[in-house]
Amino acid sequence: MGRAFEFRKARKMKRWSAMSKAFTRIGKDIVMAVKEGGPDPDSNSRLRAVIQNAKSVNMPKDNVERAIKRASDKSLGDFKEVLFEGYAPHGIAILIETATDNNNRTVANIRSYFNKCNGNLGTSGSVEFMFDHTCNFRIPAEGLDPEELELELIDFGAEEVFEDEDGILIYGPFESFGAIQSYLEEAGLEILSSGFERIPQVTKQLTPEEAEDVEKLLEKIEEDEDVQNVYHSMDESSSDSEE
């Protein structure tokens, strides 16, 4: 198995276990998708993907429809996607994806978290190159052979296809999202969820004490309402003894 498999296996889903945070994140994704491509999911592939993700976390249909209607309101401000980069203590690289309607507020908050936890907020491009920007899809496994599916999807940019307890996962480069989505839809395969992740090219093992320093910073960042996703280069097993 490749790095996407190991990354997915190790990634701590506890950070997205709070349903309210997941709903907030998806609500912003809906606004950005509608502003970009309109309120009709049939003609807006990004919105289609967000609606699939809403279903995967059991977000009520009424909530989704209200979010689409609200996003269609011309008077509603837009969210801007902003990427922050920096270092946690002990040389751990951190990438933060935000969706904000007030960039000054978000910058000030993110900088304060790094300062309070002995980290350093970096400049654009300072750590992004250390992560591979990937897209992913989850589909039901029933009746499918992951190896055969991988052979079919290679031409559309897929790099890893593997099965876990929740279905089949497909990973490819960020740029292949549209091609893979189109193939799956045209083949009549149900997409349970999809999205993007940044996989660290190299991870660093820390002692439990060092990992605790990093976790303090990660928790502060992840609690911020403007933060959508946080990625880091710490080996996830570093903090296993804390759980």
C-alpha atoms as a PDB file:
ATOM      1  CA  MET A   1       0.000   0.000   0.000  1.00  0.00           C
ATOM      2  CA  GLY A   2       1.120   3.556  -0.677  1.00  0.00           C
ATOM      3  CA  ARG A   3       1.333   6.757   1.340  1.00  0.00           C
ATOM      4  CA  ALA A   4      -2.334   7.660   0.876  1.00  0.00           C
ATOM      5  CA  PHE A   5      -3.332   4.367   2.514  1.00  0.00           C
ATOM      6  CA  GLU A   6      -0.985   4.900   5.451  1.00  0.00           C
ATOM      7  CA  PHE A   7      -2.071   8.540   5.809  1.00  0.00           C
ATOM      8  CA  ARG A   8      -5.761   7.604   5.855  1.00  0.00           C
ATOM      9  CA  LYS A   9      -5.162   4.787   8.339  1.00  0.00           C
ATOM     10  CA  ALA A  10      -3.236   7.021  10.729  1.00  0.00           C
ATOM     11  CA  ARG A  11      -5.226  10.242  10.434  1.00  0.00           C
ATOM     12  CA  LYS A  12      -7.041  11.041  13.648  1.00  0.00           C
ATOM     13  CA  MET A  13     -10.698  11.481  12.870  1.00  0.00           C
ATOM     14  CA  LYS A  14     -11.311  12.692  16.437  1.00  0.00           C
ATOM     15  CA  ARG A  15     -10.779  16.217  15.162  1.00  0.00           C
ATOM     16  CA  TRP A  16     -13.864  15.962  12.940  1.00  0.00           C
ATOM     17  CA  SER A  17     -15.932  13.955  15.423  1.00  0.00           C
ATOM     18  CA  ALA A  18     -17.805  17.087  16.557  1.00  0.00           C
ATOM     19  CA  MET A  19     -20.840  17.102  14.253  1.00  0.00           C
ATOM     20  CA  SER A  20     -21.452  20.806  14.714  1.00  0.00           C
ATOM     21  CA  LYS A  21     -17.957  21.588  13.378  1.00  0.00           C
ATOM     22  CA  ALA A  22     -18.508  19.296  10.397  1.00  0.00           C
ATOM     23  CA  PHE A  23     -21.844  20.983   9.630  1.00  0.00           C
ATOM     24  CA  THR A  24     -20.237  24.435   9.830  1.00  0.00           C
ATOM     25  CA  ARG A  25     -17.442  23.360   7.493  1.00  0.00           C
ATOM     26  CA  ILE A  26     -19.856  21.890   4.944  1.00  0.00           C
ATOM     27  CA  GLY A  27     -22.107  24.961   5.185  1.00  0.00           C
ATOM     28  CA  LYS A  28     -19.165  27.130   4.103  1.00  0.00           C
ATOM     29  CA  ASP A  29     -18.308  24.645   1.335  1.00  0.00           C
ATOM     30  CA  ILE A  30     -21.892  24.983   0.037  1.00  0.00           C
ATOM     31  CA  VAL A  31     -21.682  28.795  -0.005  1.00  0.00           C
ATOM     32  CA  MET A  32     -18.382  28.727  -1.915  1.00  0.00           C
ATOM     33  CA  ALA A  33     -19.667  26.113  -4.372  1.00  0.00           C
ATOM     34  CA  VAL A  34     -22.894  28.019  -5.102  1.00  0.00           C
ATOM     35  CA  LYS A  35     -21.080  31.355  -5.491  1.00  0.00           C
ATOM     36  CA  GLU A  36     -18.677  29.705  -7.926  1.00  0.00           C
ATOM     37  CA  GLY A  37     -21.026  27.592 -10.049  1.00  0.00           C
ATOM     38  CA  GLY A  38     -24.655  28.315  -9.172  1.00  0.00           C
ATOM     39  CA  PRO A  39     -27.302  26.536  -7.037  1.00  0.00           C
ATOM     40  CA  ASP A  40     -28.082  23.624  -9.396  1.00  0.00           C
ATOM     41  CA  PRO A  41     -26.054  20.507  -8.465  1.00  0.00           C
ATOM     42  CA  ASP A  42     -26.739  18.952 -11.882  1.00  0.00           C
ATOM     43  CA  SER A  43     -24.611  21.614 -13.549  1.00  0.00           C
ATOM     44  CA  ASN A  44     -22.288  22.347 -10.596  1.00  0.00           C
ATOM     45  CA  SER A  45     -19.931  19.438  -9.945  1.00  0.00           C
ATOM     46  CA  ARG A  46     -18.390  21.104  -6.897  1.00  0.00           C
ATOM     47  CA  LEU A  47     -21.823  21.521  -5.286  1.00  0.00           C
ATOM     48  CA  ARG A  48     -22.664  17.886  -6.116  1.00  0.00           C
ATOM     49  CA  ALA A  49     -19.558  16.786  -4.261  1.00  0.00           C
ATOM     50  CA  VAL A  50     -20.380  18.918  -1.196  1.00  0.00           C
ATOM     51  CA  ILE A  51     -23.940  17.529  -1.040  1.00  0.00           C
ATOM     52  CA  GLN A  52     -22.508  13.986  -1.090  1.00  0.00           C
ATOM     53  CA  ASN A  53     -20.238  14.904   1.816  1.00  0.00           C
ATOM     54  CA  ALA A  54     -23.200  16.383   3.718  1.00  0.00           C
ATOM     55  CA  LYS A  55     -25.010  13.050   3.375  1.00  0.00           C
ATOM     56  CA  SER A  56     -21.935  11.153   4.571  1.00  0.00           C
ATOM     57  CA  VAL A  57     -22.008  13.017   7.931  1.00  0.00           C
ATOM     58  CA  ASN A  58     -25.818  12.777   8.187  1.00  0.00           C
ATOM     59  CA  MET A  59     -26.398  16.494   7.718  1.00  0.00           C
ATOM     60  CA  PRO A  60     -30.205  16.909   7.420  1.00  0.00           C
ATOM     61  CA  LYS A  61     -31.507  17.578   3.919  1.00  0.00           C
ATOM     62  CA  ASP A  62     -33.324  20.689   5.184  1.00  0.00           C
ATOM     63  CA  ASN A  63     -30.007  22.132   6.404  1.00  0.00           C
ATOM     64  CA  VAL A  64     -28.452  21.548   2.991  1.00  0.00           C
ATOM     65  CA  GLU A  65     -31.364  23.148   1.136  1.00  0.00           C
ATOM     66  CA  ARG A  66     -31.362  26.159   3.478  1.00  0.00           C
ATOM     67  CA  ALA A  67     -27.620  26.601   2.959  1.00  0.00           C
ATOM     68  CA  ILE A  68     -28.035  26.527  -0.838  1.00  0.00           C
ATOM     69  CA  LYS A  69     -30.886  29.044  -0.670  1.00  0.00           C
ATOM     70  CA  ARG A  70     -28.914  31.306   1.649  1.00  0.00           C
ATOM     71  CA  ALA A  71     -25.836  31.086  -0.588  1.00  0.00           C
ATOM     72  CA  SER A  72     -27.931  32.163  -3.590  1.00  0.00           C
ATOM     73  CA  ASP A  73     -28.725  35.453  -1.843  1.00  0.00           C
ATOM     74  CA  LYS A  74     -26.694  38.136  -3.631  1.00  0.00           C
ATOM     75  CA  SER A  75     -26.410  40.137  -0.414  1.00  0.00           C
ATOM     76  CA  LEU A  76     -24.602  37.304   1.406  1.00  0.00           C
ATOM     77  CA  GLY A  77     -20.883  37.886   1.703  1.00  0.00           C
ATOM     78  CA  ASP A  78     -18.534  35.357   0.181  1.00  0.00           C
ATOM     79  CA  PHE A  79     -15.953  33.207   1.939  1.00  0.00           C
ATOM     80  CA  LYS A  80     -12.392  33.427   0.709  1.00  0.00           C
ATOM     81  CA  GLU A  81     -10.167  30.357   0.863  1.00  0.00           C
ATOM     82  CA  VAL A  82      -6.832  31.235   2.470  1.00  0.00           C
ATOM     83  CA  LEU A  83      -3.916  28.885   3.140  1.00  0.00           C
ATOM     84  CA  PHE A  84      -1.640  29.429   6.148  1.00  0.00           C
ATOM     85  CA  GLU A  85       1.753  27.794   6.596  1.00  0.00           C
ATOM     86  CA  GLY A  86       4.082  27.533   9.538  1.00  0.00           C
ATOM     87  CA  TYR A  87       6.010  25.437  12.007  1.00  0.00           C
ATOM     88  CA  ALA A  88       4.924  23.982  15.324  1.00  0.00           C
ATOM     89  CA  PRO A  89       7.534  23.310  18.012  1.00  0.00           C
ATOM     90  CA  HIS A  90      10.140  20.612  17.235  1.00  0.00           C
ATOM     91  CA  GLY A  91      10.215  21.381  13.515  1.00  0.00           C
ATOM     92  CA  ILE A  92       6.742  20.090  12.608  1.00  0.00           C
ATOM     93  CA  ALA A  93       5.361  21.657   9.423  1.00  0.00           C
ATOM     94  CA  ILE A  94       1.706  22.764   9.525  1.00  0.00           C
ATOM     95  CA  LEU A  95      -0.685  23.657   6.691  1.00  0.00           C
ATOM     96  CA  ILE A  96      -4.004  25.307   7.549  1.00  0.00           C
ATOM     97  CA  GLU A  97      -6.907  25.662   5.117  1.00  0.00           C
ATOM     98  CA  THR A  98      -9.367  28.384   6.079  1.00  0.00           C
ATOM     99  CA  ALA A  99     -12.587  29.826   4.672  1.00  0.00           C
ATOM    100  CA  THR A 100     -13.070  33.351   5.939  1.00  0.00           C
ATOM    101  CA  ASP A 101     -15.205  36.431   5.383  1.00  0.00           C
ATOM    102  CA  ASN A 102     -12.746  38.548   7.370  1.00  0.00           C
ATOM    103  CA  ASN A 103      -9.123  37.880   6.475  1.00  0.00           C
ATOM    104  CA  ASN A 104      -7.712  40.347   9.026  1.00  0.00           C
ATOM    105  CA  ARG A 105      -9.465  38.496  11.858  1.00  0.00           C
ATOM    106  CA  THR A 106      -8.276  35.115  10.628  1.00  0.00           C
ATOM    107  CA  VAL A 107      -4.649  36.222  10.195  1.00  0.00           C
ATOM    108  CA  ALA A 108      -4.594  37.744  13.689  1.00  0.00           C
ATOM    109  CA  ASN A 109      -6.087  34.621  15.272  1.00  0.00           C
ATOM    110  CA  ILE A 110      -3.789  32.147  13.496  1.00  0.00           C
ATOM    111  CA  ARG A 111      -0.716  34.235  14.326  1.00  0.00           C
ATOM    112  CA  SER A 112      -1.721  34.374  18.006  1.00  0.00           C
ATOM    113  CA  TYR A 113      -2.029  30.578  18.205  1.00  0.00           C
ATOM    114  CA  PHE A 114       1.486  30.097  16.823  1.00  0.00           C
ATOM    115  CA  ASN A 115       2.896  32.750  19.162  1.00  0.00           C
ATOM    116  CA  LYS A 116       1.225  31.297  22.268  1.00  0.00           C
ATOM    117  CA  CYS A 117       2.434  27.774  21.518  1.00  0.00           C
ATOM    118  CA  ASN A 118       6.048  28.562  20.549  1.00  0.00           C
ATOM    119  CA  GLY A 119       5.466  28.042  16.848  1.00  0.00           C
ATOM    120  CA  ASN A 120       6.234  30.234  13.854  1.00  0.00           C
ATOM    121  CA  LEU A 121       3.755  31.418  11.241  1.00  0.00           C
ATOM    122  CA  GLY A 122       5.574  31.227   7.920  1.00  0.00           C
ATOM    123  CA  THR A 123       5.317  32.971   4.575  1.00  0.00           C
ATOM    124  CA  SER A 124       3.469  31.671   1.530  1.00  0.00           C
ATOM    125  CA  GLY A 125       5.257  28.644   0.077  1.00  0.00           C
ATOM    126  CA  SER A 126       7.361  27.969   3.175  1.00  0.00           C
ATOM    127  CA  VAL A 127       5.957  24.480   3.860  1.00  0.00           C
ATOM    128  CA  GLU A 128       3.311  23.811   1.175  1.00  0.00           C
ATOM    129  CA  PHE A 129       5.896  22.055  -1.011  1.00  0.00           C
ATOM    130  CA  MET A 130       6.326  19.416   1.729  1.00  0.00           C
ATOM    131  CA  PHE A 131       2.776  18.133   1.173  1.00  0.00           C
ATOM    132  CA  ASP A 132       1.159  16.433  -1.827  1.00  0.00           C
ATOM    133  CA  HIS A 133      -2.220  17.997  -2.673  1.00  0.00           C
ATOM    134  CA  THR A 134      -4.529  15.056  -3.401  1.00  0.00           C
ATOM    135  CA  CYS A 135      -8.168  14.365  -4.188  1.00  0.00           C
ATOM    136  CA  ASN A 136     -10.100  11.392  -2.844  1.00  0.00           C
ATOM    137  CA  PHE A 137     -13.377   9.572  -3.367  1.00  0.00           C
ATOM    138  CA  ARG A 138     -15.184   6.943  -1.308  1.00  0.00           C
ATOM    139  CA  ILE A 139     -17.563   4.526  -3.045  1.00  0.00           C
ATOM    140  CA  PRO A 140     -19.386   1.367  -1.872  1.00  0.00           C
ATOM    141  CA  ALA A 141     -17.250  -1.775  -2.158  1.00  0.00           C
ATOM    142  CA  GLU A 142     -20.057  -4.197  -2.976  1.00  0.00           C
ATOM    143  CA  GLY A 143     -19.527  -5.968  -6.289  1.00  0.00           C
ATOM    144  CA  LEU A 144     -16.250  -4.207  -7.054  1.00  0.00           C
ATOM    145  CA  ASP A 145     -12.658  -5.466  -7.229  1.00  0.00           C
ATOM    146  CA  PRO A 146     -10.312  -2.655  -6.082  1.00  0.00           C
ATOM    147  CA  GLU A 147      -7.469  -3.917  -8.286  1.00  0.00           C
ATOM    148  CA  GLU A 148      -9.626  -4.009 -11.409  1.00  0.00           C
ATOM    149  CA  LEU A 149     -11.058  -0.578 -10.578  1.00  0.00           C
ATOM    150  CA  GLU A 150      -7.541   0.814 -10.150  1.00  0.00           C
ATOM    151  CA  LEU A 151      -6.598  -0.385 -13.640  1.00  0.00           C
ATOM    152  CA  GLU A 152      -9.690   1.369 -15.031  1.00  0.00           C
ATOM    153  CA  LEU A 153      -8.953   4.598 -13.170  1.00  0.00           C
ATOM    154  CA  ILE A 154      -5.230   4.917 -13.911  1.00  0.00           C
ATOM    155  CA  ASP A 155      -6.051   6.666 -17.197  1.00  0.00           C
ATOM    156  CA  PHE A 156      -8.076   9.248 -15.265  1.00  0.00           C
ATOM    157  CA  GLY A 157      -5.271  10.079 -12.834  1.00  0.00           C
ATOM    158  CA  ALA A 158      -5.929   7.717  -9.910  1.00  0.00           C
ATOM    159  CA  GLU A 159      -2.776   6.657  -8.071  1.00  0.00           C
ATOM    160  CA  GLU A 160      -4.081   4.526  -5.203  1.00  0.00           C
ATOM    161  CA  VAL A 161      -7.253   2.446  -4.826  1.00  0.00           C
ATOM    162  CA  PHE A 162      -7.819   0.423  -1.665  1.00  0.00           C
ATOM    163  CA  GLU A 163     -10.601  -0.976   0.486  1.00  0.00           C
ATOM    164  CA  ASP A 164     -11.320  -0.312   4.151  1.00  0.00           C
ATOM    165  CA  GLU A 165     -14.256  -1.023   6.446  1.00  0.00           C
ATOM    166  CA  ASP A 166     -16.327   1.805   4.952  1.00  0.00           C
ATOM    167  CA  GLY A 167     -15.885   1.117   1.251  1.00  0.00           C
ATOM    168  CA  ILE A 168     -13.320   1.696  -1.488  1.00  0.00           C
ATOM    169  CA  LEU A 169     -11.098   4.767  -1.383  1.00  0.00           C
ATOM    170  CA  ILE A 170      -9.615   6.322  -4.503  1.00  0.00           C
ATOM    171  CA  TYR A 171      -6.712   8.794  -4.362  1.00  0.00           C
ATOM    172  CA  GLY A 172      -5.193  10.903  -7.115  1.00  0.00           C
ATOM    173  CA  PRO A 173      -3.548  14.296  -7.650  1.00  0.00           C
ATOM    174  CA  PHE A 174      -5.617  17.401  -6.907  1.00  0.00           C
ATOM    175  CA  GLU A 175      -5.863  18.136 -10.644  1.00  0.00           C
ATOM    176  CA  SER A 176      -7.530  14.767 -11.372  1.00  0.00           C
ATOM    177  CA  PHE A 177     -10.650  15.439  -9.291  1.00  0.00           C
ATOM    178  CA  GLY A 178     -12.904  16.340 -12.237  1.00  0.00           C
ATOM    179  CA  ALA A 179     -11.791  13.439 -14.444  1.00  0.00           C
ATOM    180  CA  ILE A 180     -12.237  10.832 -11.691  1.00  0.00           C
ATOM    181  CA  GLN A 181     -15.595  12.293 -10.616  1.00  0.00           C
ATOM    182  CA  SER A 182     -16.861  12.179 -14.211  1.00  0.00           C
ATOM    183  CA  TYR A 183     -15.733   8.566 -14.671  1.00  0.00           C
ATOM    184  CA  LEU A 184     -17.447   7.396 -11.473  1.00  0.00           C
ATOM    185  CA  GLU A 185     -20.692   9.220 -12.310  1.00  0.00           C
ATOM    186  CA  GLU A 186     -20.764   7.951 -15.895  1.00  0.00           C
ATOM    187  CA  ALA A 187     -20.090   4.405 -14.680  1.00  0.00           C
ATOM    188  CA  GLY A 188     -23.099   4.679 -12.361  1.00  0.00           C
ATOM    189  CA  LEU A 189     -20.994   4.226  -9.222  1.00  0.00           C
ATOM    190  CA  GLU A 190     -22.347   5.934  -6.104  1.00  0.00           C
ATOM    191  CA  ILE A 191     -19.972   8.497  -4.604  1.00  0.00           C
ATOM    192  CA  LEU A 192     -20.396   8.393  -0.817  1.00  0.00           C
ATOM    193  CA  SER A 193     -17.999  11.269  -0.186  1.00  0.00           C
ATOM    194  CA  SER A 194     -15.148  13.112  -1.851  1.00  0.00           C
ATOM    195  CA  GLY A 195     -12.683  15.835  -1.050  1.00  0.00           C
ATOM    196  CA  PHE A 196      -9.098  16.983  -0.924  1.00  0.00           C
ATOM    197  CA  GLU A 197      -6.253  16.270   1.454  1.00  0.00           C
ATOM    198  CA  ARG A 198      -2.633  17.284   1.822  1.00  0.00           C
ATOM    199  CA  ILE A 199      -0.429  14.308   2.553  1.00  0.00           C
ATOM    200  CA  PRO A 200       2.990  14.983   4.113  1.00  0.00           C
ATOM    201  CA  GLN A 201       5.844  13.650   1.975  1.00  0.00           C
ATOM    202  CA  VAL A 202       7.902  12.932   5.105  1.00  0.00           C
ATOM    203  CA  THR A 203       6.745  12.626   8.720  1.00  0.00           C
ATOM    204  CA  LYS A 204       8.746  13.161  11.886  1.00  0.00           C
ATOM    205  CA  GLN A 205       8.607  10.957  14.979  1.00  0.00           C
ATOM    206  CA  LEU A 206       8.428  12.835  18.293  1.00  0.00           C
ATOM    207  CA  THR A 207       8.537  11.806  21.926  1.00  0.00           C
ATOM    208  CA  PRO A 208       5.157  11.867  23.736  1.00  0.00           C
ATOM    209  CA  GLU A 209       6.222  15.062  25.519  1.00  0.00           C
ATOM    210  CA  GLU A 210       7.178  16.771  22.249  1.00  0.00           C
ATOM    211  CA  ALA A 211       3.974  15.548  20.595  1.00  0.00           C
ATOM    212  CA  GLU A 212       1.969  17.135  23.407  1.00  0.00           C
ATOM    213  CA  ASP A 213       3.514  20.527  22.581  1.00  0.00           C
ATOM    214  CA  VAL A 214       2.394  20.137  18.961  1.00  0.00           C
ATOM    215  CA  GLU A 215      -1.079  18.912  19.921  1.00  0.00           C
ATOM    216  CA  LYS A 216      -1.652  22.053  22.015  1.00  0.00           C
ATOM    217  CA  LEU A 217      -1.123  24.194  18.930  1.00  0.00           C
ATOM    218  CA  LEU A 218      -3.203  21.913  16.686  1.00  0.00           C
ATOM    219  CA  GLU A 219      -6.140  22.010  19.108  1.00  0.00           C
ATOM    220  CA  LYS A 220      -6.130  25.812  19.256  1.00  0.00           C
ATOM    221  CA  ILE A 221      -6.045  26.046  15.466  1.00  0.00           C
ATOM    222  CA  GLU A 222      -8.753  23.439  14.918  1.00  0.00           C
ATOM    223  CA  GLU A 223     -11.143  25.152  17.333  1.00  0.00           C
ATOM    224  CA  ASP A 224     -11.091  28.352  15.251  1.00  0.00           C
ATOM    225  CA  GLU A 225     -14.361  28.876  13.360  1.00  0.00           C
ATOM    226  CA  ASP A 226     -12.556  29.954  10.185  1.00  0.00           C
ATOM    227  CA  VAL A 227     -10.449  26.780   9.962  1.00  0.00           C
ATOM    228  CA  GLN A 228     -11.581  24.066   7.546  1.00  0.00           C
ATOM    229  CA  ASN A 229      -8.674  21.593   7.651  1.00  0.00           C
ATOM    230  CA  VAL A 230      -5.298  21.230   9.349  1.00  0.00           C
ATOM    231  CA  TYR A 231      -2.427  19.060   8.115  1.00  0.00           C
ATOM    232  CA  HIS A 232       0.959  18.438   9.732  1.00  0.00           C
ATOM    233  CA  SER A 233       4.142  16.424   9.344  1.00  0.00           C
ATOM    234  CA  MET A 234       4.161  14.809  12.801  1.00  0.00           C
ATOM    235  CA  ASP A 235       4.075  11.019  12.735  1.00  0.00           C
ATOM    236  CA  GLU A 236       0.613  10.259  14.135  1.00  0.00           C
ATOM    237  CA  SER A 237       2.007   7.434  16.292  1.00  0.00           C
ATOM    238  CA  SER A 238       3.996  10.038  18.260  1.00  0.00           C
ATOM    239  CA  SER A 239       0.934  10.898  20.369  1.00  0.00           C
ATOM    240  CA  ASP A 240      -0.622   7.415  20.557  1.00  0.00           C
ATOM    241  CA  SER A 241       0.441   7.018  24.178  1.00  0.00           C
ATOM    242  CA  GLU A 242      -1.699  10.036  25.089  1.00  0.00           C
ATOM    243  CA  GLU A 243      -4.955   8.398  23.923  1.00  0.00           C
END
